[in-house]
Amino acid sequence: MDLIKTQKEVCTKFGAVFVEAPSNLKVGISLNVKDGIYPINGMRHPIEGDTSGWYIWAGEEFSEDPDFFVSLHIEHLNEWCPQIIKYLGLAPGWRFLIAPGYEDVWKDTSLLQVD
């Protein structure tokens, strides 16, 4: 599978700009993503340093606990949750929510207001 092509197709489908998330960058991800819990949520803040801006978690809500998200290089996402990789080309300011038989992708400009 051509990953970049697939990510660009997702962006085209939802009218989003494609912004690559190179495999050497990191995401913030909750440990429960590995447990097969749904829905899986993703939101992308602006890219900063060695981070892609992506925060990914499973379940209805995420915790405010500072240890809720762990840092993970994108290259390891295939082992954790391969079904989300196709969404990682969505530009900062975009979100997704997926579950079996369900997909929602939308723009959320509030994600661009990071202090």
Protein backbone atom coordinates (compact mmCIF):
# COMPACT_ATOMS: atom_id res chain seq x y z
CA MET A 1 0.00 0.00 0.00
CA ASP A 2 1.26 3.46 -0.89
CA LEU A 3 0.74 5.21 2.44
CA ILE A 4 1.16 8.78 1.21
CA LYS A 5 -1.29 8.14 -1.65
CA THR A 6 -3.84 6.69 0.79
CA GLN A 7 -3.41 9.64 3.17
CA LYS A 8 -3.87 12.10 0.31
CA GLU A 9 -7.05 10.26 -0.74
CA VAL A 10 -8.45 10.66 2.78
CA CYS A 11 -7.63 14.37 2.67
CA THR A 12 -9.32 14.75 -0.72
CA LYS A 13 -12.40 12.85 0.49
CA PHE A 14 -12.89 15.29 3.37
CA GLY A 15 -11.62 18.49 1.73
CA ALA A 16 -8.54 18.71 3.94
CA VAL A 17 -5.06 19.90 3.06
CA PHE A 18 -2.45 17.13 3.14
CA VAL A 19 0.35 17.70 5.65
CA GLU A 20 2.74 14.78 5.93
CA ALA A 21 3.40 13.20 9.32
CA PRO A 22 6.86 11.65 8.79
CA SER A 23 7.51 8.36 10.57
CA ASN A 24 10.36 9.86 12.63
CA LEU A 25 7.96 12.30 14.34
CA LYS A 26 6.00 11.43 17.47
CA VAL A 27 2.34 11.28 18.41
CA GLY A 28 0.80 11.51 21.84
CA ILE A 29 -1.20 8.33 22.32
CA SER A 30 -3.11 6.76 25.19
CA LEU A 31 -2.12 3.26 26.22
CA ASN A 32 -5.71 2.02 25.85
CA VAL A 33 -5.46 2.33 22.07
CA LYS A 34 -3.61 -1.00 22.12
CA ASP A 35 -6.56 -2.65 23.91
CA GLY A 36 -8.97 -2.54 20.95
CA ILE A 37 -11.30 -0.04 22.63
CA TYR A 38 -13.55 2.09 20.41
CA PRO A 39 -14.11 4.71 19.33
CA ILE A 40 -10.62 5.79 18.40
CA ASN A 41 -10.19 9.56 18.40
CA GLY A 42 -7.49 11.69 16.85
CA MET A 43 -6.86 15.42 16.83
CA ARG A 44 -3.99 17.31 15.29
CA HIS A 45 -2.48 20.41 16.83
CA PRO A 46 0.26 22.38 15.04
CA ILE A 47 3.52 20.54 14.43
CA GLU A 48 6.18 21.45 16.97
CA GLY A 49 9.74 20.17 17.28
CA ASP A 50 9.82 16.40 16.90
CA THR A 51 6.06 15.99 17.31
CA SER A 52 3.50 15.59 14.54
CA GLY A 53 0.79 17.41 16.49
CA TRP A 54 -1.34 14.24 16.69
CA TYR A 55 -3.02 13.12 19.91
CA ILE A 56 -4.82 9.78 19.72
CA TRP A 57 -6.93 8.02 22.35
CA ALA A 58 -9.55 5.29 22.64
CA GLY A 59 -12.92 5.55 24.34
CA GLU A 60 -15.47 8.29 24.77
CA GLU A 61 -13.29 10.80 26.64
CA PHE A 62 -9.66 11.49 27.33
CA SER A 63 -8.24 12.18 30.73
CA GLU A 64 -6.68 15.43 31.88
CA ASP A 65 -4.06 13.34 33.71
CA PRO A 66 -0.62 14.48 32.49
CA ASP A 67 0.40 10.81 32.09
CA PHE A 68 -2.61 9.88 29.92
CA PHE A 69 -0.66 10.31 26.67
CA VAL A 70 2.66 8.63 26.01
CA SER A 71 5.05 9.62 23.25
CA LEU A 72 5.34 7.19 20.34
CA HIS A 73 7.13 7.48 17.01
CA ILE A 74 4.75 7.22 14.09
CA GLU A 75 6.79 4.34 12.70
CA HIS A 76 5.51 2.19 15.61
CA LEU A 77 1.81 2.93 15.08
CA ASN A 78 1.47 -0.08 12.80
CA GLU A 79 2.00 -2.26 15.88
CA TRP A 80 -0.45 -0.26 18.01
CA CYS A 81 -3.31 0.69 15.72
CA PRO A 82 -2.72 0.37 11.96
CA GLN A 83 -6.24 1.53 11.02
CA ILE A 84 -5.49 5.13 12.04
CA ILE A 85 -2.41 5.63 9.87
CA LYS A 86 -4.44 6.64 6.82
CA TYR A 87 -5.71 9.72 8.73
CA LEU A 88 -2.31 11.08 9.73
CA GLY A 89 -1.97 13.24 6.59
CA LEU A 90 -4.85 15.47 7.74
CA ALA A 91 -3.53 18.97 8.42
CA PRO A 92 -3.32 20.52 11.88
CA GLY A 93 -6.79 21.62 12.89
CA TRP A 94 -8.46 18.33 11.87
CA ARG A 95 -9.98 15.50 13.90
CA PHE A 96 -11.20 11.97 13.28
CA LEU A 97 -13.33 9.47 15.14
CA ILE A 98 -13.57 5.86 13.99
CA ALA A 99 -15.28 2.69 15.16
CA PRO A 100 -16.24 -0.50 13.34
CA GLY A 101 -18.51 0.61 10.49
CA TYR A 102 -18.20 4.30 11.45
CA GLU A 103 -15.94 7.13 10.30
CA ASP A 104 -16.18 10.85 11.02
CA VAL A 105 -13.60 13.45 10.01
CA TRP A 106 -13.99 17.18 10.59
CA LYS A 107 -12.15 20.47 10.83
CA ASP A 108 -11.77 21.98 14.31
CA THR A 109 -9.91 25.28 14.10
CA SER A 110 -9.82 25.53 17.90
CA LEU A 111 -6.96 22.98 17.74
CA LEU A 112 -4.81 25.67 16.12
CA GLN A 113 -5.06 27.91 19.21
CA VAL A 114 -2.31 26.35 21.29
CA ASP A 115 -0.74 28.32 24.12
